[in-house]
Amino acid sequence: MNVCYMLRCADGSLYTGWTNDLEGRLRAHNEGRGGKYTRSRRAVTLVHAETFPTKEEAMSREWHIKRLTKAQKEALVSGE
């Protein structure tokens, strides 16, 4: 399973990434071994996730989400 996910950092910011092991990736982020961005913004919580059959689709969705405005990302997280 390939997942595009969004995390809420302790400072309120959002982080977007993709993985094929969501539980392991969340653990890595919270242990300081995840992305450089989240290392200083722990703890993080999962706020949005979408699954895809291929790695390429998950990566593409990550790319598209990263280009959204903060307001658009917040709307996606809240389900609007």
N, C-alpha and C. Protein backbone atom coordinates (compact mmCIF):
# COMPACT_ATOMS: atom_id res chain seq x y z
N MET A 1 0.84 -1.17 0.00
CA MET A 1 0.00 0.00 0.00
C MET A 1 0.89 1.24 0.00
N ASN A 2 0.60 2.18 -0.85
CA ASN A 2 1.32 3.44 -0.94
C ASN A 2 0.40 4.54 -0.45
N VAL A 3 0.93 5.38 0.43
CA VAL A 3 0.10 6.38 1.11
C VAL A 3 0.71 7.76 0.95
N CYS A 4 -0.14 8.73 0.60
CA CYS A 4 0.21 10.13 0.68
C CYS A 4 -0.43 10.61 1.98
N TYR A 5 0.35 11.29 2.82
CA TYR A 5 -0.16 11.66 4.14
C TYR A 5 0.17 13.10 4.48
N MET A 6 -0.61 13.64 5.42
CA MET A 6 -0.34 14.97 5.96
C MET A 6 -0.26 14.86 7.48
N LEU A 7 0.72 15.55 8.04
CA LEU A 7 0.91 15.57 9.48
C LEU A 7 0.70 16.98 10.00
N ARG A 8 0.19 17.07 11.21
CA ARG A 8 0.12 18.36 11.92
C ARG A 8 1.27 18.35 12.90
N CYS A 9 2.15 19.32 12.76
CA CYS A 9 3.31 19.44 13.64
C CYS A 9 2.92 20.16 14.92
N ALA A 10 3.77 20.07 15.93
CA ALA A 10 3.50 20.69 17.23
C ALA A 10 3.31 22.19 17.11
N ASP A 11 3.94 22.82 16.12
CA ASP A 11 3.80 24.27 15.94
C ASP A 11 2.57 24.65 15.10
N GLY A 12 1.76 23.65 14.73
CA GLY A 12 0.54 23.90 13.97
C GLY A 12 0.71 23.83 12.46
N SER A 13 1.94 23.72 11.99
CA SER A 13 2.17 23.65 10.55
C SER A 13 1.81 22.25 10.02
N LEU A 14 1.70 22.15 8.70
CA LEU A 14 1.38 20.89 8.05
C LEU A 14 2.59 20.39 7.26
N TYR A 15 2.78 19.08 7.27
CA TYR A 15 3.85 18.43 6.52
C TYR A 15 3.20 17.37 5.64
N THR A 16 3.62 17.29 4.39
CA THR A 16 3.07 16.30 3.46
C THR A 16 4.19 15.39 2.98
N GLY A 17 3.89 14.10 2.91
CA GLY A 17 4.87 13.13 2.43
C GLY A 17 4.17 11.90 1.86
N TRP A 18 4.95 10.92 1.46
CA TRP A 18 4.39 9.66 1.00
C TRP A 18 5.25 8.52 1.56
N THR A 19 4.66 7.36 1.67
CA THR A 19 5.36 6.19 2.19
C THR A 19 4.65 4.91 1.78
N ASN A 20 5.31 3.79 1.96
CA ASN A 20 4.65 2.50 1.78
C ASN A 20 4.53 1.77 3.13
N ASP A 21 4.89 2.49 4.22
CA ASP A 21 4.77 1.96 5.58
C ASP A 21 4.37 3.12 6.49
N LEU A 22 3.09 3.40 6.58
CA LEU A 22 2.62 4.58 7.30
C LEU A 22 2.96 4.53 8.78
N GLU A 23 2.72 3.41 9.43
CA GLU A 23 3.02 3.32 10.87
C GLU A 23 4.50 3.55 11.15
N GLY A 24 5.35 2.92 10.36
CA GLY A 24 6.79 3.09 10.53
C GLY A 24 7.24 4.52 10.27
N ARG A 25 6.65 5.14 9.27
CA ARG A 25 7.02 6.51 8.93
C ARG A 25 6.59 7.49 10.02
N LEU A 26 5.38 7.30 10.57
CA LEU A 26 4.93 8.15 11.68
C LEU A 26 5.84 8.00 12.89
N ARG A 27 6.21 6.78 13.17
CA ARG A 27 7.12 6.51 14.29
C ARG A 27 8.46 7.22 14.04
N ALA A 28 8.96 7.13 12.83
CA ALA A 28 10.24 7.78 12.49
C ALA A 28 10.14 9.29 12.65
N HIS A 29 9.05 9.89 12.19
CA HIS A 29 8.88 11.34 12.36
C HIS A 29 8.89 11.72 13.84
N ASN A 30 8.19 10.97 14.65
CA ASN A 30 8.09 11.30 16.07
C ASN A 30 9.36 10.97 16.85
N GLU A 31 10.22 10.15 16.29
CA GLU A 31 11.49 9.83 16.93
C GLU A 31 12.62 10.73 16.43
N GLY A 32 12.29 11.66 15.52
CA GLY A 32 13.29 12.56 15.00
C GLY A 32 14.09 12.02 13.83
N ARG A 33 13.66 10.89 13.29
CA ARG A 33 14.35 10.27 12.16
C ARG A 33 13.60 10.46 10.85
N GLY A 34 12.50 11.22 10.89
CA GLY A 34 11.70 11.47 9.69
C GLY A 34 12.29 12.61 8.90
N GLY A 35 11.45 13.36 8.26
CA GLY A 35 11.91 14.49 7.46
C GLY A 35 12.59 15.56 8.30
N LYS A 36 13.52 16.25 7.68
CA LYS A 36 14.25 17.32 8.36
C LYS A 36 13.29 18.38 8.91
N TYR A 37 12.23 18.66 8.17
CA TYR A 37 11.25 19.67 8.59
C TYR A 37 10.60 19.30 9.92
N THR A 38 10.24 18.03 10.08
CA THR A 38 9.51 17.62 11.28
C THR A 38 10.42 17.38 12.48
N ARG A 39 11.71 17.26 12.25
CA ARG A 39 12.65 16.94 13.33
C ARG A 39 12.56 17.93 14.49
N SER A 40 12.42 19.21 14.17
CA SER A 40 12.36 20.23 15.22
C SER A 40 10.94 20.64 15.57
N ARG A 41 9.96 19.93 15.00
CA ARG A 41 8.55 20.29 15.21
C ARG A 41 7.74 19.13 15.79
N ARG A 42 8.40 18.29 16.57
CA ARG A 42 7.71 17.14 17.14
C ARG A 42 6.88 17.57 18.33
N ALA A 43 5.87 16.87 18.67
CA ALA A 43 5.34 15.65 18.10
C ALA A 43 4.41 15.98 16.94
N VAL A 44 4.30 15.00 16.05
CA VAL A 44 3.41 15.16 14.90
C VAL A 44 2.25 14.19 15.01
N THR A 45 1.11 14.58 14.43
CA THR A 45 -0.06 13.70 14.40
C THR A 45 -0.57 13.60 12.98
N LEU A 46 -1.04 12.44 12.62
CA LEU A 46 -1.60 12.21 11.29
C LEU A 46 -2.95 12.90 11.19
N VAL A 47 -3.14 13.73 10.15
CA VAL A 47 -4.41 14.42 9.99
C VAL A 47 -5.11 14.08 8.67
N HIS A 48 -4.37 13.46 7.73
CA HIS A 48 -4.98 13.11 6.44
C HIS A 48 -4.13 12.03 5.79
N ALA A 49 -4.78 11.07 5.15
CA ALA A 49 -4.07 10.02 4.42
C ALA A 49 -4.92 9.53 3.26
N GLU A 50 -4.26 9.27 2.14
CA GLU A 50 -4.92 8.72 0.95
C GLU A 50 -4.06 7.55 0.46
N THR A 51 -4.69 6.43 0.12
CA THR A 51 -3.94 5.27 -0.36
C THR A 51 -4.02 5.18 -1.88
N PHE A 52 -2.95 4.63 -2.46
CA PHE A 52 -2.84 4.49 -3.91
C PHE A 52 -2.23 3.14 -4.24
N PRO A 53 -2.59 2.59 -5.41
CA PRO A 53 -2.03 1.29 -5.78
C PRO A 53 -0.55 1.34 -6.17
N THR A 54 -0.07 2.50 -6.62
CA THR A 54 1.33 2.58 -7.04
C THR A 54 2.06 3.72 -6.33
N LYS A 55 3.37 3.56 -6.25
CA LYS A 55 4.25 4.56 -5.67
C LYS A 55 4.15 5.87 -6.46
N GLU A 56 4.10 5.76 -7.77
CA GLU A 56 4.06 6.94 -8.62
C GLU A 56 2.81 7.78 -8.37
N GLU A 57 1.67 7.13 -8.14
CA GLU A 57 0.43 7.86 -7.86
C GLU A 57 0.51 8.58 -6.51
N ALA A 58 1.08 7.93 -5.51
CA ALA A 58 1.23 8.56 -4.20
C ALA A 58 2.18 9.75 -4.28
N MET A 59 3.26 9.61 -5.02
CA MET A 59 4.22 10.70 -5.19
C MET A 59 3.60 11.87 -5.95
N SER A 60 2.79 11.55 -6.94
CA SER A 60 2.11 12.59 -7.71
C SER A 60 1.14 13.37 -6.82
N ARG A 61 0.38 12.64 -6.00
CA ARG A 61 -0.56 13.32 -5.10
C ARG A 61 0.19 14.19 -4.10
N GLU A 62 1.31 13.72 -3.59
CA GLU A 62 2.14 14.53 -2.67
C GLU A 62 2.55 15.82 -3.38
N TRP A 63 3.01 15.72 -4.60
CA TRP A 63 3.44 16.88 -5.37
C TRP A 63 2.31 17.89 -5.51
N HIS A 64 1.11 17.39 -5.82
CA HIS A 64 -0.04 18.28 -6.00
C HIS A 64 -0.45 18.95 -4.67
N ILE A 65 -0.45 18.19 -3.59
CA ILE A 65 -0.82 18.75 -2.29
C ILE A 65 0.18 19.82 -1.87
N LYS A 66 1.46 19.59 -2.11
CA LYS A 66 2.48 20.56 -1.71
C LYS A 66 2.33 21.88 -2.44
N ARG A 67 1.63 21.89 -3.55
CA ARG A 67 1.42 23.12 -4.30
C ARG A 67 0.13 23.86 -3.93
N LEU A 68 -0.65 23.28 -3.01
CA LEU A 68 -1.86 23.95 -2.53
C LEU A 68 -1.49 25.07 -1.56
N THR A 69 -2.37 26.03 -1.43
CA THR A 69 -2.17 27.08 -0.43
C THR A 69 -2.44 26.49 0.95
N LYS A 70 -2.02 27.22 1.98
CA LYS A 70 -2.27 26.78 3.36
C LYS A 70 -3.77 26.61 3.59
N ALA A 71 -4.58 27.54 3.08
CA ALA A 71 -6.04 27.46 3.26
C ALA A 71 -6.60 26.23 2.56
N GLN A 72 -6.10 25.91 1.38
CA GLN A 72 -6.57 24.72 0.65
C GLN A 72 -6.17 23.45 1.38
N LYS A 73 -4.98 23.44 1.95
CA LYS A 73 -4.54 22.26 2.73
C LYS A 73 -5.41 22.08 3.97
N GLU A 74 -5.72 23.19 4.65
CA GLU A 74 -6.58 23.12 5.83
C GLU A 74 -7.97 22.61 5.46
N ALA A 75 -8.49 23.04 4.31
CA ALA A 75 -9.79 22.57 3.85
C ALA A 75 -9.75 21.06 3.57
N LEU A 76 -8.67 20.60 2.97
CA LEU A 76 -8.51 19.17 2.70
C LEU A 76 -8.48 18.37 4.00
N VAL A 77 -7.77 18.88 4.99
CA VAL A 77 -7.66 18.20 6.29
C VAL A 77 -9.02 18.16 6.98
N SER A 78 -9.78 19.25 6.89
CA SER A 78 -11.07 19.30 7.58
C SER A 78 -12.19 18.63 6.79
N GLY A 79 -11.89 18.18 5.59
CA GLY A 79 -12.88 17.44 4.80
C GLY A 79 -13.83 18.33 4.02
N GLU A 80 -13.51 19.59 3.86
CA GLU A 80 -14.38 20.52 3.12
C GLU A 80 -14.18 20.39 1.64
